[in-house]
Amino acid sequence: GVFTQELYERLHPDAQVLVIELDAGYVAALKSRFGDRF
């Protein structure tokens, strides 16, 4: 989520973001960090 973090910090809060990841471990970690908006 290095680029995801940058998007999270700089995108408008109303932006819709679709994050596509194959690895289940990464998905779980990404959801815990960014799942409130992405």
All heavy atoms as atom14 arrays in JSON, in Angstrom:
{
  "sequence": "GVFTQELYERLHPDAQVLVIELDAGYVAALKSRFGDRF",
  "atom14_mask": [
    [1, 1, 1, 1, 0, 0, 0, 0, 0, 0, 0, 0, 0, 0],
    [1, 1, 1, 1, 1, 1, 1, 0, 0, 0, 0, 0, 0, 0],
    [1, 1, 1, 1, 1, 1, 1, 1, 1, 1, 1, 0, 0, 0],
    [1, 1, 1, 1, 1, 1, 1, 0, 0, 0, 0, 0, 0, 0],
    [1, 1, 1, 1, 1, 1, 1, 1, 1, 0, 0, 0, 0, 0],
    [1, 1, 1, 1, 1, 1, 1, 1, 1, 0, 0, 0, 0, 0],
    [1, 1, 1, 1, 1, 1, 1, 1, 0, 0, 0, 0, 0, 0],
    [1, 1, 1, 1, 1, 1, 1, 1, 1, 1, 1, 1, 0, 0],
    [1, 1, 1, 1, 1, 1, 1, 1, 1, 0, 0, 0, 0, 0],
    [1, 1, 1, 1, 1, 1, 1, 1, 1, 1, 1, 0, 0, 0],
    [1, 1, 1, 1, 1, 1, 1, 1, 0, 0, 0, 0, 0, 0],
    [1, 1, 1, 1, 1, 1, 1, 1, 1, 1, 0, 0, 0, 0],
    [1, 1, 1, 1, 1, 1, 1, 0, 0, 0, 0, 0, 0, 0],
    [1, 1, 1, 1, 1, 1, 1, 1, 0, 0, 0, 0, 0, 0],
    [1, 1, 1, 1, 1, 0, 0, 0, 0, 0, 0, 0, 0, 0],
    [1, 1, 1, 1, 1, 1, 1, 1, 1, 0, 0, 0, 0, 0],
    [1, 1, 1, 1, 1, 1, 1, 0, 0, 0, 0, 0, 0, 0],
    [1, 1, 1, 1, 1, 1, 1, 1, 0, 0, 0, 0, 0, 0],
    [1, 1, 1, 1, 1, 1, 1, 0, 0, 0, 0, 0, 0, 0],
    [1, 1, 1, 1, 1, 1, 1, 1, 0, 0, 0, 0, 0, 0],
    [1, 1, 1, 1, 1, 1, 1, 1, 1, 0, 0, 0, 0, 0],
    [1, 1, 1, 1, 1, 1, 1, 1, 0, 0, 0, 0, 0, 0],
    [1, 1, 1, 1, 1, 1, 1, 1, 0, 0, 0, 0, 0, 0],
    [1, 1, 1, 1, 1, 0, 0, 0, 0, 0, 0, 0, 0, 0],
    [1, 1, 1, 1, 0, 0, 0, 0, 0, 0, 0, 0, 0, 0],
    [1, 1, 1, 1, 1, 1, 1, 1, 1, 1, 1, 1, 0, 0],
    [1, 1, 1, 1, 1, 1, 1, 0, 0, 0, 0, 0, 0, 0],
    [1, 1, 1, 1, 1, 0, 0, 0, 0, 0, 0, 0, 0, 0],
    [1, 1, 1, 1, 1, 0, 0, 0, 0, 0, 0, 0, 0, 0],
    [1, 1, 1, 1, 1, 1, 1, 1, 0, 0, 0, 0, 0, 0],
    [1, 1, 1, 1, 1, 1, 1, 1, 1, 0, 0, 0, 0, 0],
    [1, 1, 1, 1, 1, 1, 0, 0, 0, 0, 0, 0, 0, 0],
    [1, 1, 1, 1, 1, 1, 1, 1, 1, 1, 1, 0, 0, 0],
    [1, 1, 1, 1, 1, 1, 1, 1, 1, 1, 1, 0, 0, 0],
    [1, 1, 1, 1, 0, 0, 0, 0, 0, 0, 0, 0, 0, 0],
    [1, 1, 1, 1, 1, 1, 1, 1, 0, 0, 0, 0, 0, 0],
    [1, 1, 1, 1, 1, 1, 1, 1, 1, 1, 1, 0, 0, 0],
    [1, 1, 1, 1, 1, 1, 1, 1, 1, 1, 1, 0, 0, 0]
  ],
  "atom14_positions": [
    [[0.76, -1.25, 0.0], [0.0, 0.0, 0.0], [0.79, 1.29, 0.0], [0.29, 2.32, 0.46], [0.0, 0.0, 0.0], [0.0, 0.0, 0.0], [0.0, 0.0, 0.0], [0.0, 0.0, 0.0], [0.0, 0.0, 0.0], [0.0, 0.0, 0.0], [0.0, 0.0, 0.0], [0.0, 0.0, 0.0], [0.0, 0.0, 0.0], [0.0, 0.0, 0.0]],
    [[2.0, 1.29, -0.54], [2.79, 2.51, -0.57], [2.1, 3.58, -1.42], [1.93, 4.72, -0.97], [4.22, 2.25, -1.1], [4.99, 3.54, -1.27], [4.95, 1.31, -0.17], [0.0, 0.0, 0.0], [0.0, 0.0, 0.0], [0.0, 0.0, 0.0], [0.0, 0.0, 0.0], [0.0, 0.0, 0.0], [0.0, 0.0, 0.0], [0.0, 0.0, 0.0]],
    [[1.66, 3.23, -2.63], [0.95, 4.19, -3.48], [-0.45, 4.44, -2.93], [-0.98, 5.55, -3.03], [0.88, 3.71, -4.93], [2.22, 3.53, -5.58], [2.49, 2.4, -6.32], [3.22, 4.46, -5.44], [3.73, 2.22, -6.93], [4.47, 4.3, -6.03], [4.72, 3.17, -6.77], [0.0, 0.0, 0.0], [0.0, 0.0, 0.0], [0.0, 0.0, 0.0]],
    [[-1.05, 3.42, -2.34], [-2.38, 3.56, -1.74], [-2.36, 4.62, -0.65], [-3.3, 5.42, -0.54], [-2.85, 2.2, -1.15], [-2.52, 1.15, -2.04], [-4.34, 2.21, -0.88], [0.0, 0.0, 0.0], [0.0, 0.0, 0.0], [0.0, 0.0, 0.0], [0.0, 0.0, 0.0], [0.0, 0.0, 0.0], [0.0, 0.0, 0.0], [0.0, 0.0, 0.0]],
    [[-1.31, 4.64, 0.14], [-1.17, 5.63, 1.21], [-1.16, 7.04, 0.64], [-1.8, 7.95, 1.16], [0.1, 5.38, 2.02], [0.31, 6.34, 3.18], [-0.7, 6.14, 4.29], [-0.97, 5.01, 4.69], [-1.27, 7.23, 4.79], [0.0, 0.0, 0.0], [0.0, 0.0, 0.0], [0.0, 0.0, 0.0], [0.0, 0.0, 0.0], [0.0, 0.0, 0.0]],
    [[-0.43, 7.22, -0.43], [-0.35, 8.53, -1.08], [-1.73, 8.95, -1.59], [-2.15, 10.1, -1.43], [0.66, 8.48, -2.23], [1.09, 9.81, -2.74], [2.08, 10.52, -1.82], [2.72, 9.88, -0.97], [2.21, 11.75, -1.97], [0.0, 0.0, 0.0], [0.0, 0.0, 0.0], [0.0, 0.0, 0.0], [0.0, 0.0, 0.0], [0.0, 0.0, 0.0]],
    [[-2.44, 8.03, -2.21], [-3.81, 8.31, -2.68], [-4.72, 8.64, -1.51], [-5.51, 9.6, -1.57], [-4.37, 7.1, -3.45], [-3.7, 6.78, -4.79], [-4.17, 5.42, -5.31], [-3.98, 7.88, -5.81], [0.0, 0.0, 0.0], [0.0, 0.0, 0.0], [0.0, 0.0, 0.0], [0.0, 0.0, 0.0], [0.0, 0.0, 0.0], [0.0, 0.0, 0.0]],
    [[-4.62, 7.89, -0.45], [-5.45, 8.08, 0.74], [-5.25, 9.48, 1.33], [-6.21, 10.14, 1.74], [-5.11, 7.01, 1.76], [-6.07, 6.87, 2.91], [-7.24, 6.14, 2.77], [-5.79, 7.45, 4.14], [-8.12, 5.99, 3.82], [-6.66, 7.31, 5.21], [-7.83, 6.58, 5.04], [-8.7, 6.44, 6.1], [0.0, 0.0, 0.0], [0.0, 0.0, 0.0]],
    [[-4.02, 9.92, 1.35], [-3.7, 11.23, 1.92], [-4.08, 12.39, 1.02], [-4.41, 13.47, 1.5], [-2.21, 11.32, 2.24], [-1.78, 10.41, 3.37], [-0.26, 10.35, 3.54], [0.48, 11.07, 2.82], [0.18, 9.55, 4.39], [0.0, 0.0, 0.0], [0.0, 0.0, 0.0], [0.0, 0.0, 0.0], [0.0, 0.0, 0.0], [0.0, 0.0, 0.0]],
    [[-4.04, 12.18, -0.3], [-4.16, 13.32, -1.21], [-5.44, 13.39, -2.04], [-5.76, 14.45, -2.57], [-2.95, 13.34, -2.14], [-1.66, 13.61, -1.34], [-0.41, 13.6, -2.18], [-0.51, 14.37, -3.37], [0.28, 14.23, -4.43], [1.23, 13.31, -4.42], [0.14, 14.97, -5.51], [0.0, 0.0, 0.0], [0.0, 0.0, 0.0], [0.0, 0.0, 0.0]],
    [[-6.17, 12.28, -2.17], [-7.42, 12.32, -2.93], [-8.51, 13.03, -2.14], [-8.5, 13.01, -0.9], [-7.89, 10.91, -3.27], [-7.19, 10.18, -4.4], [-7.66, 8.73, -4.46], [-7.42, 10.86, -5.74], [0.0, 0.0, 0.0], [0.0, 0.0, 0.0], [0.0, 0.0, 0.0], [0.0, 0.0, 0.0], [0.0, 0.0, 0.0], [0.0, 0.0, 0.0]],
    [[-9.46, 13.61, -2.84], [-10.63, 14.19, -2.2], [-11.35, 13.1, -1.43], [-11.43, 11.96, -1.91], [-11.55, 14.8, -3.27], [-12.64, 15.62, -2.7], [-13.8, 15.06, -2.22], [-12.76, 16.96, -2.52], [-14.59, 16.01, -1.78], [-13.99, 17.18, -1.94], [0.0, 0.0, 0.0], [0.0, 0.0, 0.0], [0.0, 0.0, 0.0], [0.0, 0.0, 0.0]],
    [[-11.88, 13.38, -0.23], [-12.55, 12.35, 0.56], [-13.72, 11.68, -0.16], [-14.07, 10.54, 0.16], [-13.05, 13.1, 1.79], [-12.2, 14.32, 1.87], [-11.8, 14.67, 0.47], [0.0, 0.0, 0.0], [0.0, 0.0, 0.0], [0.0, 0.0, 0.0], [0.0, 0.0, 0.0], [0.0, 0.0, 0.0], [0.0, 0.0, 0.0], [0.0, 0.0, 0.0]],
    [[-14.33, 12.36, -1.13], [-15.45, 11.78, -1.87], [-15.03, 10.96, -3.08], [-15.88, 10.39, -3.77], [-16.42, 12.89, -2.33], [-17.1, 13.56, -1.15], [-17.23, 12.92, -0.09], [-17.48, 14.74, -1.29], [0.0, 0.0, 0.0], [0.0, 0.0, 0.0], [0.0, 0.0, 0.0], [0.0, 0.0, 0.0], [0.0, 0.0, 0.0], [0.0, 0.0, 0.0]],
    [[-13.74, 10.92, -3.37], [-13.27, 10.14, -4.53], [-13.59, 8.67, -4.3], [-13.53, 8.16, -3.18], [-11.77, 10.34, -4.71], [0.0, 0.0, 0.0], [0.0, 0.0, 0.0], [0.0, 0.0, 0.0], [0.0, 0.0, 0.0], [0.0, 0.0, 0.0], [0.0, 0.0, 0.0], [0.0, 0.0, 0.0], [0.0, 0.0, 0.0], [0.0, 0.0, 0.0]],
    [[-13.94, 7.99, -5.38], [-14.18, 6.55, -5.32], [-12.91, 5.85, -5.82], [-12.41, 6.16, -6.9], [-15.39, 6.19, -6.17], [-16.67, 6.77, -5.6], [-17.89, 6.29, -6.35], [-18.0, 5.11, -6.65], [-18.79, 7.21, -6.64], [0.0, 0.0, 0.0], [0.0, 0.0, 0.0], [0.0, 0.0, 0.0], [0.0, 0.0, 0.0], [0.0, 0.0, 0.0]],
    [[-12.43, 4.92, -5.02], [-11.18, 4.24, -5.32], [-11.4, 2.73, -5.26], [-11.89, 2.21, -4.26], [-10.06, 4.65, -4.34], [-8.76, 3.94, -4.68], [-9.87, 6.17, -4.35], [0.0, 0.0, 0.0], [0.0, 0.0, 0.0], [0.0, 0.0, 0.0], [0.0, 0.0, 0.0], [0.0, 0.0, 0.0], [0.0, 0.0, 0.0], [0.0, 0.0, 0.0]],
    [[-11.03, 2.06, -6.33], [-11.08, 0.62, -6.42], [-9.65, 0.1, -6.37], [-8.83, 0.43, -7.23], [-11.76, 0.18, -7.72], [-11.74, -1.32, -8.05], [-12.44, -2.14, -6.96], [-12.36, -1.55, -9.42], [0.0, 0.0, 0.0], [0.0, 0.0, 0.0], [0.0, 0.0, 0.0], [0.0, 0.0, 0.0], [0.0, 0.0, 0.0], [0.0, 0.0, 0.0]],
    [[-9.35, -0.69, -5.36], [-8.01, -1.26, -5.18], [-8.12, -2.77, -5.44], [-8.87, -3.46, -4.75], [-7.49, -0.98, -3.75], [-6.12, -1.6, -3.55], [-7.45, 0.53, -3.48], [0.0, 0.0, 0.0], [0.0, 0.0, 0.0], [0.0, 0.0, 0.0], [0.0, 0.0, 0.0], [0.0, 0.0, 0.0], [0.0, 0.0, 0.0], [0.0, 0.0, 0.0]],
    [[-7.37, -3.24, -6.42], [-7.44, -4.65, -6.84], [-6.13, -5.34, -6.49], [-5.08, -4.98, -7.01], [-7.72, -4.76, -8.35], [-9.02, -4.03, -8.71], [-7.76, -6.21, -8.79], [-9.25, -3.88, -10.2], [0.0, 0.0, 0.0], [0.0, 0.0, 0.0], [0.0, 0.0, 0.0], [0.0, 0.0, 0.0], [0.0, 0.0, 0.0], [0.0, 0.0, 0.0]],
    [[-6.21, -6.33, -5.61], [-5.04, -7.05, -5.13], [-5.35, -8.55, -5.12], [-6.43, -8.95, -4.68], [-4.65, -6.58, -3.73], [-3.55, -7.36, -3.06], [-2.25, -7.44, -3.84], [-1.7, -6.38, -4.2], [-1.78, -8.56, -4.1], [0.0, 0.0, 0.0], [0.0, 0.0, 0.0], [0.0, 0.0, 0.0], [0.0, 0.0, 0.0], [0.0, 0.0, 0.0]],
    [[-4.42, -9.36, -5.57], [-4.6, -10.8, -5.65], [-4.3, -11.52, -4.34], [-4.98, -12.47, -3.97], [-3.71, -11.36, -6.77], [-3.95, -12.78, -7.23], [-5.38, -12.96, -7.74], [-2.96, -13.14, -8.33], [0.0, 0.0, 0.0], [0.0, 0.0, 0.0], [0.0, 0.0, 0.0], [0.0, 0.0, 0.0], [0.0, 0.0, 0.0], [0.0, 0.0, 0.0]],
    [[-3.32, -11.05, -3.6], [-2.86, -11.73, -2.39], [-3.77, -11.43, -1.19], [-3.96, -10.28, -0.81], [-1.43, -11.28, -2.09], [-0.85, -12.0, -0.9], [-1.03, -11.51, 0.24], [-0.22, -13.06, -1.1], [0.0, 0.0, 0.0], [0.0, 0.0, 0.0], [0.0, 0.0, 0.0], [0.0, 0.0, 0.0], [0.0, 0.0, 0.0], [0.0, 0.0, 0.0]],
    [[-4.33, -12.49, -0.59], [-5.27, -12.34, 0.52], [-4.66, -11.63, 1.72], [-5.33, -10.84, 2.4], [-5.8, -13.71, 0.93], [0.0, 0.0, 0.0], [0.0, 0.0, 0.0], [0.0, 0.0, 0.0], [0.0, 0.0, 0.0], [0.0, 0.0, 0.0], [0.0, 0.0, 0.0], [0.0, 0.0, 0.0], [0.0, 0.0, 0.0], [0.0, 0.0, 0.0]],
    [[-3.39, -11.9, 2.01], [-2.73, -11.24, 3.14], [-2.63, -9.74, 2.94], [-2.9, -8.96, 3.86], [0.0, 0.0, 0.0], [0.0, 0.0, 0.0], [0.0, 0.0, 0.0], [0.0, 0.0, 0.0], [0.0, 0.0, 0.0], [0.0, 0.0, 0.0], [0.0, 0.0, 0.0], [0.0, 0.0, 0.0], [0.0, 0.0, 0.0], [0.0, 0.0, 0.0]],
    [[-2.26, -9.33, 1.74], [-2.21, -7.9, 1.44], [-3.61, -7.28, 1.52], [-3.78, -6.18, 2.04], [-1.65, -7.65, 0.05], [-0.16, -7.83, -0.11], [0.37, -8.18, -1.35], [0.73, -7.65, 0.94], [1.74, -8.35, -1.53], [2.09, -7.82, 0.77], [2.59, -8.17, -0.48], [3.95, -8.32, -0.66], [0.0, 0.0, 0.0], [0.0, 0.0, 0.0]],
    [[-4.62, -8.0, 1.01], [-5.99, -7.47, 1.01], [-6.44, -7.18, 2.44], [-6.99, -6.11, 2.73], [-6.97, -8.44, 0.3], [-8.42, -8.03, 0.53], [-6.67, -8.48, -1.19], [0.0, 0.0, 0.0], [0.0, 0.0, 0.0], [0.0, 0.0, 0.0], [0.0, 0.0, 0.0], [0.0, 0.0, 0.0], [0.0, 0.0, 0.0], [0.0, 0.0, 0.0]],
    [[-6.21, -8.12, 3.35], [-6.62, -7.93, 4.75], [-5.94, -6.7, 5.35], [-6.58, -5.88, 6.01], [-6.3, -9.18, 5.56], [0.0, 0.0, 0.0], [0.0, 0.0, 0.0], [0.0, 0.0, 0.0], [0.0, 0.0, 0.0], [0.0, 0.0, 0.0], [0.0, 0.0, 0.0], [0.0, 0.0, 0.0], [0.0, 0.0, 0.0], [0.0, 0.0, 0.0]],
    [[-4.64, -6.57, 5.11], [-3.9, -5.42, 5.66], [-4.37, -4.11, 5.04], [-4.53, -3.1, 5.74], [-2.4, -5.61, 5.43], [0.0, 0.0, 0.0], [0.0, 0.0, 0.0], [0.0, 0.0, 0.0], [0.0, 0.0, 0.0], [0.0, 0.0, 0.0], [0.0, 0.0, 0.0], [0.0, 0.0, 0.0], [0.0, 0.0, 0.0], [0.0, 0.0, 0.0]],
    [[-4.62, -4.12, 3.73], [-5.1, -2.91, 3.05], [-6.49, -2.51, 3.55], [-6.76, -1.33, 3.76], [-5.13, -3.13, 1.54], [-3.78, -3.28, 0.85], [-3.94, -3.88, -0.54], [-3.06, -1.94, 0.78], [0.0, 0.0, 0.0], [0.0, 0.0, 0.0], [0.0, 0.0, 0.0], [0.0, 0.0, 0.0], [0.0, 0.0, 0.0], [0.0, 0.0, 0.0]],
    [[-7.36, -3.49, 3.77], [-8.71, -3.19, 4.28], [-8.64, -2.56, 5.66], [-9.39, -1.64, 5.96], [-9.57, -4.45, 4.3], [-10.1, -4.83, 2.95], [-11.04, -6.03, 3.02], [-11.61, -6.32, 1.65], [-12.57, -7.44, 1.69], [0.0, 0.0, 0.0], [0.0, 0.0, 0.0], [0.0, 0.0, 0.0], [0.0, 0.0, 0.0], [0.0, 0.0, 0.0]],
    [[-7.73, -3.06, 6.49], [-7.63, -2.49, 7.85], [-7.1, -1.05, 7.81], [-7.48, -0.24, 8.66], [-6.78, -3.38, 8.76], [-5.42, -3.29, 8.43], [0.0, 0.0, 0.0], [0.0, 0.0, 0.0], [0.0, 0.0, 0.0], [0.0, 0.0, 0.0], [0.0, 0.0, 0.0], [0.0, 0.0, 0.0], [0.0, 0.0, 0.0], [0.0, 0.0, 0.0]],
    [[-6.27, -0.74, 6.85], [-5.7, 0.62, 6.77], [-6.54, 1.6, 5.97], [-6.61, 2.78, 6.31], [-4.3, 0.55, 6.15], [-3.27, -0.1, 7.05], [-1.94, -0.29, 6.37], [-1.33, 0.94, 5.94], [-0.42, 1.01, 4.96], [-0.04, -0.09, 4.32], [0.1, 2.16, 4.61], [0.0, 0.0, 0.0], [0.0, 0.0, 0.0], [0.0, 0.0, 0.0]],
    [[-7.16, 1.12, 4.87], [-7.81, 2.04, 3.94], [-9.28, 1.71, 3.66], [-9.93, 2.41, 2.88], [-7.05, 2.04, 2.6], [-5.58, 2.25, 2.74], [-4.68, 1.23, 2.46], [-5.07, 3.47, 3.16], [-3.31, 1.42, 2.58], [-3.71, 3.67, 3.3], [-2.81, 2.64, 3.0], [0.0, 0.0, 0.0], [0.0, 0.0, 0.0], [0.0, 0.0, 0.0]],
    [[-9.79, 0.65, 4.26], [-11.13, 0.17, 3.96], [-12.26, 1.12, 4.33], [-13.38, 0.95, 3.86], [0.0, 0.0, 0.0], [0.0, 0.0, 0.0], [0.0, 0.0, 0.0], [0.0, 0.0, 0.0], [0.0, 0.0, 0.0], [0.0, 0.0, 0.0], [0.0, 0.0, 0.0], [0.0, 0.0, 0.0], [0.0, 0.0, 0.0], [0.0, 0.0, 0.0]],
    [[-11.97, 2.12, 5.15], [-13.02, 3.07, 5.51], [-13.4, 3.97, 4.33], [-14.51, 4.5, 4.29], [-12.6, 3.92, 6.71], [-11.36, 4.76, 6.45], [-10.42, 4.27, 5.77], [-11.32, 5.93, 6.91], [0.0, 0.0, 0.0], [0.0, 0.0, 0.0], [0.0, 0.0, 0.0], [0.0, 0.0, 0.0], [0.0, 0.0, 0.0], [0.0, 0.0, 0.0]],
    [[-12.49, 4.13, 3.36], [-12.78, 4.99, 2.2], [-12.61, 4.3, 0.87], [-13.2, 4.73, -0.12], [-11.85, 6.22, 2.22], [-12.23, 7.24, 3.23], [-11.42, 8.52, 3.19], [-10.92, 8.93, 1.91], [-9.73, 9.52, 1.73], [-8.93, 9.74, 2.74], [-9.34, 9.88, 0.52], [0.0, 0.0, 0.0], [0.0, 0.0, 0.0], [0.0, 0.0, 0.0]],
    [[-11.78, 3.28, 0.79], [-11.46, 2.64, -0.48], [-12.13, 1.27, -0.57], [-12.25, 0.56, 0.42], [-9.95, 2.47, -0.63], [-9.17, 3.75, -0.8], [-9.78, 5.0, -0.79], [-7.81, 3.71, -0.95], [-9.05, 6.17, -0.94], [-7.06, 4.87, -1.12], [-7.68, 6.1, -1.11], [0.0, 0.0, 0.0], [0.0, 0.0, 0.0], [0.0, 0.0, 0.0]]
  ]
}
